[in-house]
Amino acid sequence: MDETIKTLQQWIDESRAIVFFGGAGVSTESGIPDFRSVDGLYNQKYAWPPEEILSRAFFDARPEEFYRFYRDKMLCLDAQPNAAHKKLAELEAAGRLRSVVTQNIDGLHQKAGSRRVWELHGSVHRNYCMNCRKPYAVEEIKAGQGVPKCSCGGTVKPDVVLYEESLDSATVEGAVMDIRSADLLIIGGTSLAVYPAAGLINYYRGSRLVLINKSATPYDSRADLAINLPIGQVLGQIRVK
């Protein structure tokens, strides 16, 4: 265990209100592609760029094309939690970690056992009719074809935040409250390039800010501890006491 990991271990041992803020890099080790890496979705070729396909305007104008992309690239239902997801759930169960704030929509934190999870961008596991709000399971969406329709005739939309849509205010408020009162903030697997989500870390008032990411981020210079390694590799070495 190198010195940076030892420092992280010590800080975790001394903390009782840890908050973890994570992005796509947390789930890449589970086989879910991220968006901005060399092999990410934004660097693949489609008839439209992913940013356009994943916008509300595109969903409203071309829902069939949206769902073709969405089923193919966004619904990775066979993915399993990795070492990072499992360790965070273990830290929560031990009373060390207050909550997870995630930009991911895959539900892997809950699958690993985490209970207090603020999903800033929603979840693929929740789907509702836009007319009557009847819920539909993600397995139904994955198995279907074309645009999923409710029994009332309305269009079913995944409860994910598309471009041009606002974040859920209650989710943001809960995340801000936890970040503000944290005694250790660990940021992992994110380039901190997506706003307004990335801006939430500015609410942290503590003195121990940890950044764990394979590549450098714009916030590395502000961190009290920066570790440029995969998040699962790092958290996998942490012992929960």
C-alpha atoms as a PDB file:
ATOM      1  CA  MET A   1       0.000   0.000   0.000  1.00  0.00           C
ATOM      2  CA  ASP A   2       1.630   3.254  -1.118  1.00  0.00           C
ATOM      3  CA  GLU A   3       1.650   6.458   0.906  1.00  0.00           C
ATOM      4  CA  THR A   4      -1.363   8.065  -0.778  1.00  0.00           C
ATOM      5  CA  ILE A   5      -3.510   4.995  -0.089  1.00  0.00           C
ATOM      6  CA  LYS A   6      -2.258   4.923   3.504  1.00  0.00           C
ATOM      7  CA  THR A   7      -3.287   8.558   3.909  1.00  0.00           C
ATOM      8  CA  LEU A   8      -6.718   7.821   2.459  1.00  0.00           C
ATOM      9  CA  GLN A   9      -7.075   4.859   4.824  1.00  0.00           C
ATOM     10  CA  GLN A  10      -6.185   7.043   7.806  1.00  0.00           C
ATOM     11  CA  TRP A  11      -8.659   9.757   6.823  1.00  0.00           C
ATOM     12  CA  ILE A  12     -11.439   7.206   6.340  1.00  0.00           C
ATOM     13  CA  ASP A  13     -10.651   5.683   9.753  1.00  0.00           C
ATOM     14  CA  GLU A  14     -10.958   9.119  11.341  1.00  0.00           C
ATOM     15  CA  SER A  15     -14.204  10.089   9.586  1.00  0.00           C
ATOM     16  CA  ARG A  16     -17.837   9.518  10.495  1.00  0.00           C
ATOM     17  CA  ALA A  17     -19.622  11.527   7.798  1.00  0.00           C
ATOM     18  CA  ILE A  18     -17.980  10.629   4.480  1.00  0.00           C
ATOM     19  CA  VAL A  19     -19.710  11.579   1.251  1.00  0.00           C
ATOM     20  CA  PHE A  20     -18.696  10.020  -2.046  1.00  0.00           C
ATOM     21  CA  PHE A  21     -19.297  11.933  -5.287  1.00  0.00           C
ATOM     22  CA  GLY A  22     -18.883   9.738  -8.364  1.00  0.00           C
ATOM     23  CA  GLY A  23     -19.163   9.697 -12.121  1.00  0.00           C
ATOM     24  CA  ALA A  24     -18.933   7.355 -15.082  1.00  0.00           C
ATOM     25  CA  GLY A  25     -15.476   6.075 -14.120  1.00  0.00           C
ATOM     26  CA  VAL A  26     -17.013   4.298 -11.137  1.00  0.00           C
ATOM     27  CA  SER A  27     -18.929   1.989 -13.478  1.00  0.00           C
ATOM     28  CA  THR A  28     -16.413   1.475 -16.294  1.00  0.00           C
ATOM     29  CA  GLU A  29     -14.823  -1.316 -14.246  1.00  0.00           C
ATOM     30  CA  SER A  30     -18.235  -3.016 -14.392  1.00  0.00           C
ATOM     31  CA  GLY A  31     -18.132  -2.888 -18.185  1.00  0.00           C
ATOM     32  CA  ILE A  32     -20.369   0.157 -18.643  1.00  0.00           C
ATOM     33  CA  PRO A  33     -18.866   2.600 -21.181  1.00  0.00           C
ATOM     34  CA  ASP A  34     -18.224   6.152 -20.129  1.00  0.00           C
ATOM     35  CA  PHE A  35     -18.877   9.190 -22.299  1.00  0.00           C
ATOM     36  CA  ARG A  36     -15.692  11.176 -22.705  1.00  0.00           C
ATOM     37  CA  SER A  37     -12.796   8.717 -22.863  1.00  0.00           C
ATOM     38  CA  VAL A  38     -11.113   7.729 -26.138  1.00  0.00           C
ATOM     39  CA  ASP A  39     -13.453   4.743 -26.433  1.00  0.00           C
ATOM     40  CA  GLY A  40     -16.451   6.467 -24.856  1.00  0.00           C
ATOM     41  CA  LEU A  41     -19.848   7.050 -26.393  1.00  0.00           C
ATOM     42  CA  TYR A  42     -18.989  10.584 -27.487  1.00  0.00           C
ATOM     43  CA  ASN A  43     -16.197   9.221 -29.688  1.00  0.00           C
ATOM     44  CA  GLN A  44     -18.324   6.660 -31.512  1.00  0.00           C
ATOM     45  CA  LYS A  45     -20.160   7.385 -34.751  1.00  0.00           C
ATOM     46  CA  TYR A  46     -23.939   7.435 -35.083  1.00  0.00           C
ATOM     47  CA  ALA A  47     -26.331   9.192 -37.423  1.00  0.00           C
ATOM     48  CA  TRP A  48     -26.547  11.878 -34.722  1.00  0.00           C
ATOM     49  CA  PRO A  49     -24.036  12.704 -31.978  1.00  0.00           C
ATOM     50  CA  PRO A  50     -24.929  11.167 -28.595  1.00  0.00           C
ATOM     51  CA  GLU A  51     -25.324  14.626 -27.053  1.00  0.00           C
ATOM     52  CA  GLU A  52     -28.146  15.310 -29.517  1.00  0.00           C
ATOM     53  CA  ILE A  53     -29.763  11.889 -29.158  1.00  0.00           C
ATOM     54  CA  LEU A  54     -29.798  12.257 -25.371  1.00  0.00           C
ATOM     55  CA  SER A  55     -31.515  15.644 -25.453  1.00  0.00           C
ATOM     56  CA  ARG A  56     -35.141  16.339 -24.621  1.00  0.00           C
ATOM     57  CA  ALA A  57     -35.709  17.973 -27.996  1.00  0.00           C
ATOM     58  CA  PHE A  58     -34.516  14.828 -29.769  1.00  0.00           C
ATOM     59  CA  PHE A  59     -36.614  12.584 -27.522  1.00  0.00           C
ATOM     60  CA  ASP A  60     -39.721  14.617 -28.360  1.00  0.00           C
ATOM     61  CA  ALA A  61     -38.987  14.833 -32.101  1.00  0.00           C
ATOM     62  CA  ARG A  62     -37.537  11.350 -32.786  1.00  0.00           C
ATOM     63  CA  PRO A  63     -38.509   9.040 -29.917  1.00  0.00           C
ATOM     64  CA  GLU A  64     -38.000   5.889 -31.997  1.00  0.00           C
ATOM     65  CA  GLU A  65     -34.390   6.845 -32.785  1.00  0.00           C
ATOM     66  CA  PHE A  66     -33.872   7.801 -29.155  1.00  0.00           C
ATOM     67  CA  TYR A  67     -35.009   4.393 -27.947  1.00  0.00           C
ATOM     68  CA  ARG A  68     -32.914   2.570 -30.546  1.00  0.00           C
ATOM     69  CA  PHE A  69     -29.781   4.235 -29.151  1.00  0.00           C
ATOM     70  CA  TYR A  70     -30.989   4.050 -25.540  1.00  0.00           C
ATOM     71  CA  ARG A  71     -31.639   0.303 -25.586  1.00  0.00           C
ATOM     72  CA  ASP A  72     -28.385  -0.393 -27.403  1.00  0.00           C
ATOM     73  CA  LYS A  73     -26.014   1.795 -25.407  1.00  0.00           C
ATOM     74  CA  MET A  74     -27.582   2.874 -22.115  1.00  0.00           C
ATOM     75  CA  LEU A  75     -29.262  -0.264 -20.757  1.00  0.00           C
ATOM     76  CA  CYS A  76     -26.432  -2.461 -19.456  1.00  0.00           C
ATOM     77  CA  LEU A  77     -28.652  -4.602 -17.257  1.00  0.00           C
ATOM     78  CA  ASP A  78     -26.184  -7.482 -16.886  1.00  0.00           C
ATOM     79  CA  ALA A  79     -23.500  -5.262 -15.323  1.00  0.00           C
ATOM     80  CA  GLN A  80     -22.513  -6.118 -11.750  1.00  0.00           C
ATOM     81  CA  PRO A  81     -21.131  -3.892  -8.955  1.00  0.00           C
ATOM     82  CA  ASN A  82     -17.353  -3.698  -8.815  1.00  0.00           C
ATOM     83  CA  ALA A  83     -14.920  -3.212  -5.931  1.00  0.00           C
ATOM     84  CA  ALA A  84     -15.730   0.502  -5.663  1.00  0.00           C
ATOM     85  CA  HIS A  85     -19.496   0.011  -5.396  1.00  0.00           C
ATOM     86  CA  LYS A  86     -19.049  -2.781  -2.846  1.00  0.00           C
ATOM     87  CA  LYS A  87     -16.590  -0.879  -0.660  1.00  0.00           C
ATOM     88  CA  LEU A  88     -18.836   2.188  -0.535  1.00  0.00           C
ATOM     89  CA  ALA A  89     -21.770   0.022   0.543  1.00  0.00           C
ATOM     90  CA  GLU A  90     -19.549  -1.548   3.197  1.00  0.00           C
ATOM     91  CA  LEU A  91     -18.492   1.878   4.484  1.00  0.00           C
ATOM     92  CA  GLU A  92     -22.127   2.958   4.730  1.00  0.00           C
ATOM     93  CA  ALA A  93     -23.073  -0.209   6.613  1.00  0.00           C
ATOM     94  CA  ALA A  94     -20.215   0.452   9.034  1.00  0.00           C
ATOM     95  CA  GLY A  95     -21.506   3.969   9.746  1.00  0.00           C
ATOM     96  CA  ARG A  96     -18.611   5.741   8.064  1.00  0.00           C
ATOM     97  CA  LEU A  97     -20.236   6.916   4.845  1.00  0.00           C
ATOM     98  CA  ARG A  98     -23.272   9.182   4.948  1.00  0.00           C
ATOM     99  CA  SER A  99     -24.267   8.981   1.286  1.00  0.00           C
ATOM    100  CA  VAL A 100     -23.286   8.499  -2.324  1.00  0.00           C
ATOM    101  CA  VAL A 101     -23.907  11.304  -4.801  1.00  0.00           C
ATOM    102  CA  THR A 102     -23.731   9.888  -8.305  1.00  0.00           C
ATOM    103  CA  GLN A 103     -23.970  11.151 -11.854  1.00  0.00           C
ATOM    104  CA  ASN A 104     -24.568   7.572 -13.042  1.00  0.00           C
ATOM    105  CA  ILE A 105     -27.956   6.163 -13.970  1.00  0.00           C
ATOM    106  CA  ASP A 106     -27.165   2.434 -13.794  1.00  0.00           C
ATOM    107  CA  GLY A 107     -28.319   1.655 -10.236  1.00  0.00           C
ATOM    108  CA  LEU A 108     -25.151  -0.283  -9.395  1.00  0.00           C
ATOM    109  CA  HIS A 109     -24.658   1.470  -6.056  1.00  0.00           C
ATOM    110  CA  GLN A 110     -28.038   0.191  -4.863  1.00  0.00           C
ATOM    111  CA  LYS A 111     -27.307  -3.226  -6.348  1.00  0.00           C
ATOM    112  CA  ALA A 112     -24.151  -3.341  -4.206  1.00  0.00           C
ATOM    113  CA  GLY A 113     -26.161  -2.515  -1.086  1.00  0.00           C
ATOM    114  CA  SER A 114     -25.900   1.280  -0.760  1.00  0.00           C
ATOM    115  CA  ARG A 115     -29.063   2.754   0.706  1.00  0.00           C
ATOM    116  CA  ARG A 116     -28.625   6.549   0.698  1.00  0.00           C
ATOM    117  CA  VAL A 117     -27.886   7.393  -2.941  1.00  0.00           C
ATOM    118  CA  TRP A 118     -28.551  10.752  -4.575  1.00  0.00           C
ATOM    119  CA  GLU A 119     -28.971  10.049  -8.292  1.00  0.00           C
ATOM    120  CA  LEU A 120     -28.395  13.449  -9.882  1.00  0.00           C
ATOM    121  CA  HIS A 121     -29.190  12.264 -13.397  1.00  0.00           C
ATOM    122  CA  GLY A 122     -31.953   9.815 -12.525  1.00  0.00           C
ATOM    123  CA  SER A 123     -32.036   6.067 -13.112  1.00  0.00           C
ATOM    124  CA  VAL A 124     -32.760   3.690 -15.974  1.00  0.00           C
ATOM    125  CA  HIS A 125     -34.623   1.541 -13.442  1.00  0.00           C
ATOM    126  CA  ARG A 126     -37.485   4.026 -13.195  1.00  0.00           C
ATOM    127  CA  ASN A 127     -39.749   4.614 -16.188  1.00  0.00           C
ATOM    128  CA  TYR A 128     -43.080   6.422 -16.214  1.00  0.00           C
ATOM    129  CA  CYS A 129     -45.916   7.176 -18.584  1.00  0.00           C
ATOM    130  CA  MET A 130     -45.759  10.864 -19.449  1.00  0.00           C
ATOM    131  CA  ASN A 131     -49.569  11.063 -19.239  1.00  0.00           C
ATOM    132  CA  CYS A 132     -50.693   9.046 -16.210  1.00  0.00           C
ATOM    133  CA  ARG A 133     -47.332   8.388 -14.482  1.00  0.00           C
ATOM    134  CA  LYS A 134     -47.844   4.623 -14.439  1.00  0.00           C
ATOM    135  CA  PRO A 135     -44.445   2.992 -13.714  1.00  0.00           C
ATOM    136  CA  TYR A 136     -42.782   0.475 -16.017  1.00  0.00           C
ATOM    137  CA  ALA A 137     -39.859  -1.839 -15.226  1.00  0.00           C
ATOM    138  CA  VAL A 138     -36.608  -1.369 -17.099  1.00  0.00           C
ATOM    139  CA  GLU A 139     -36.782  -4.998 -18.233  1.00  0.00           C
ATOM    140  CA  GLU A 140     -39.981  -4.165 -20.122  1.00  0.00           C
ATOM    141  CA  ILE A 141     -38.260  -1.230 -21.821  1.00  0.00           C
ATOM    142  CA  LYS A 142     -35.212  -3.313 -22.733  1.00  0.00           C
ATOM    143  CA  ALA A 143     -37.260  -6.181 -24.153  1.00  0.00           C
ATOM    144  CA  GLY A 144     -39.599  -3.975 -26.165  1.00  0.00           C
ATOM    145  CA  GLN A 145     -39.291  -2.486 -29.625  1.00  0.00           C
ATOM    146  CA  GLY A 146     -39.949   0.989 -30.891  1.00  0.00           C
ATOM    147  CA  VAL A 147     -41.406   3.617 -28.568  1.00  0.00           C
ATOM    148  CA  PRO A 148     -42.852   2.068 -25.388  1.00  0.00           C
ATOM    149  CA  LYS A 149     -46.476   2.981 -24.857  1.00  0.00           C
ATOM    150  CA  CYS A 150     -48.551   2.932 -21.701  1.00  0.00           C
ATOM    151  CA  SER A 151     -51.886   1.131 -21.414  1.00  0.00           C
ATOM    152  CA  CYS A 152     -53.457   4.608 -21.464  1.00  0.00           C
ATOM    153  CA  GLY A 153     -51.767   5.364 -24.802  1.00  0.00           C
ATOM    154  CA  GLY A 154     -49.143   7.726 -23.438  1.00  0.00           C
ATOM    155  CA  THR A 155     -45.432   7.547 -24.195  1.00  0.00           C
ATOM    156  CA  VAL A 156     -43.214   5.972 -21.541  1.00  0.00           C
ATOM    157  CA  LYS A 157     -40.082   7.972 -20.691  1.00  0.00           C
ATOM    158  CA  PRO A 158     -37.123   6.835 -18.604  1.00  0.00           C
ATOM    159  CA  ASP A 159     -36.606   8.803 -15.403  1.00  0.00           C
ATOM    160  CA  VAL A 160     -33.217  10.092 -16.555  1.00  0.00           C
ATOM    161  CA  VAL A 161     -32.204  13.721 -16.912  1.00  0.00           C
ATOM    162  CA  LEU A 162     -31.722  14.487 -20.594  1.00  0.00           C
ATOM    163  CA  TYR A 163     -29.837  17.461 -21.978  1.00  0.00           C
ATOM    164  CA  GLU A 164     -32.079  20.561 -21.767  1.00  0.00           C
ATOM    165  CA  GLU A 165     -33.808  19.182 -18.660  1.00  0.00           C
ATOM    166  CA  SER A 166     -33.255  20.394 -15.102  1.00  0.00           C
ATOM    167  CA  LEU A 167     -31.954  18.279 -12.242  1.00  0.00           C
ATOM    168  CA  ASP A 168     -34.541  17.215  -9.681  1.00  0.00           C
ATOM    169  CA  SER A 169     -34.583  19.909  -6.997  1.00  0.00           C
ATOM    170  CA  ALA A 170     -35.170  17.556  -4.050  1.00  0.00           C
ATOM    171  CA  THR A 171     -32.263  15.355  -5.134  1.00  0.00           C
ATOM    172  CA  VAL A 172     -29.964  18.351  -5.495  1.00  0.00           C
ATOM    173  CA  GLU A 173     -31.002  19.715  -2.092  1.00  0.00           C
ATOM    174  CA  GLY A 174     -30.329  16.381  -0.413  1.00  0.00           C
ATOM    175  CA  ALA A 175     -26.937  16.044  -2.076  1.00  0.00           C
ATOM    176  CA  VAL A 176     -25.953  19.606  -1.149  1.00  0.00           C
ATOM    177  CA  MET A 177     -26.989  19.063   2.463  1.00  0.00           C
ATOM    178  CA  ASP A 178     -24.857  15.950   2.783  1.00  0.00           C
ATOM    179  CA  ILE A 179     -21.857  17.438   0.969  1.00  0.00           C
ATOM    180  CA  ARG A 180     -21.975  20.575   3.100  1.00  0.00           C
ATOM    181  CA  SER A 181     -21.925  18.590   6.353  1.00  0.00           C
ATOM    182  CA  ALA A 182     -19.381  15.938   5.293  1.00  0.00           C
ATOM    183  CA  ASP A 183     -16.130  15.561   7.218  1.00  0.00           C
ATOM    184  CA  LEU A 184     -14.468  13.868   4.218  1.00  0.00           C
ATOM    185  CA  LEU A 185     -15.456  14.268   0.568  1.00  0.00           C
ATOM    186  CA  ILE A 186     -14.176  11.630  -1.832  1.00  0.00           C
ATOM    187  CA  ILE A 187     -14.634  12.367  -5.524  1.00  0.00           C
ATOM    188  CA  GLY A 188     -14.031   9.437  -7.851  1.00  0.00           C
ATOM    189  CA  GLY A 189     -14.353   8.397 -11.458  1.00  0.00           C
ATOM    190  CA  THR A 190     -15.353  11.766 -12.855  1.00  0.00           C
ATOM    191  CA  SER A 191     -13.687  14.417 -14.997  1.00  0.00           C
ATOM    192  CA  LEU A 192     -15.807  17.048 -13.197  1.00  0.00           C
ATOM    193  CA  ALA A 193     -16.756  18.434 -16.602  1.00  0.00           C
ATOM    194  CA  VAL A 194     -20.547  18.051 -16.386  1.00  0.00           C
ATOM    195  CA  TYR A 195     -22.435  20.979 -14.888  1.00  0.00           C
ATOM    196  CA  PRO A 196     -24.432  21.730 -12.852  1.00  0.00           C
ATOM    197  CA  ALA A 197     -23.640  18.423 -11.138  1.00  0.00           C
ATOM    198  CA  ALA A 198     -19.895  19.072 -10.831  1.00  0.00           C
ATOM    199  CA  GLY A 199     -20.550  22.432  -9.217  1.00  0.00           C
ATOM    200  CA  LEU A 200     -22.097  20.738  -6.180  1.00  0.00           C
ATOM    201  CA  ILE A 201     -18.654  19.978  -4.752  1.00  0.00           C
ATOM    202  CA  ASN A 202     -18.225  23.715  -4.123  1.00  0.00           C
ATOM    203  CA  TYR A 203     -20.596  23.283  -1.183  1.00  0.00           C
ATOM    204  CA  TYR A 204     -18.047  21.173   0.692  1.00  0.00           C
ATOM    205  CA  ARG A 205     -16.855  22.946   3.825  1.00  0.00           C
ATOM    206  CA  GLY A 206     -14.446  20.339   5.202  1.00  0.00           C
ATOM    207  CA  SER A 207     -10.652  20.257   5.100  1.00  0.00           C
ATOM    208  CA  ARG A 208     -10.119  16.868   3.467  1.00  0.00           C
ATOM    209  CA  LEU A 209     -10.958  16.683  -0.215  1.00  0.00           C
ATOM    210  CA  VAL A 210      -9.868  13.525  -2.061  1.00  0.00           C
ATOM    211  CA  LEU A 211      -9.872  13.143  -5.851  1.00  0.00           C
ATOM    212  CA  ILE A 212      -9.501   9.665  -7.352  1.00  0.00           C
ATOM    213  CA  ASN A 213      -9.498   9.486 -11.155  1.00  0.00           C
ATOM    214  CA  LYS A 214      -7.403   7.799 -13.812  1.00  0.00           C
ATOM    215  CA  SER A 215      -6.703  11.121 -15.507  1.00  0.00           C
ATOM    216  CA  ALA A 216      -6.165  14.623 -14.148  1.00  0.00           C
ATOM    217  CA  THR A 217      -9.163  16.874 -13.449  1.00  0.00           C
ATOM    218  CA  PRO A 218      -9.504  20.679 -13.290  1.00  0.00           C
ATOM    219  CA  TYR A 219      -9.909  20.335  -9.519  1.00  0.00           C
ATOM    220  CA  ASP A 220      -6.719  18.352  -8.775  1.00  0.00           C
ATOM    221  CA  SER A 221      -4.896  21.449  -7.553  1.00  0.00           C
ATOM    222  CA  ARG A 222      -7.669  22.061  -5.006  1.00  0.00           C
ATOM    223  CA  ALA A 223      -7.531  18.540  -3.612  1.00  0.00           C
ATOM    224  CA  ASP A 224      -5.841  17.685  -0.349  1.00  0.00           C
ATOM    225  CA  LEU A 225      -5.126  14.260  -1.824  1.00  0.00           C
ATOM    226  CA  ALA A 226      -5.165  13.362  -5.544  1.00  0.00           C
ATOM    227  CA  ILE A 227      -4.778   9.760  -6.710  1.00  0.00           C
ATOM    228  CA  ASN A 228      -4.542   9.034 -10.441  1.00  0.00           C
ATOM    229  CA  LEU A 229      -5.663   5.419 -10.447  1.00  0.00           C
ATOM    230  CA  PRO A 230      -8.911   3.567 -11.223  1.00  0.00           C
ATOM    231  CA  ILE A 231     -11.395   4.056  -8.406  1.00  0.00           C
ATOM    232  CA  GLY A 232     -11.999   0.324  -7.893  1.00  0.00           C
ATOM    233  CA  GLN A 233      -8.294  -0.344  -7.608  1.00  0.00           C
ATOM    234  CA  VAL A 234      -7.991   2.307  -4.899  1.00  0.00           C
ATOM    235  CA  LEU A 235     -11.084   1.574  -2.828  1.00  0.00           C
ATOM    236  CA  GLY A 236     -10.445  -2.151  -3.138  1.00  0.00           C
ATOM    237  CA  GLN A 237      -7.388  -1.662  -0.913  1.00  0.00           C
ATOM    238  CA  ILE A 238      -9.303   0.137   1.836  1.00  0.00           C
ATOM    239  CA  ARG A 239     -10.069  -1.808   5.017  1.00  0.00           C
ATOM    240  CA  VAL A 240     -13.308  -1.051   6.821  1.00  0.00           C
ATOM    241  CA  LYS A 241     -12.817  -1.135  10.591  1.00  0.00           C
END
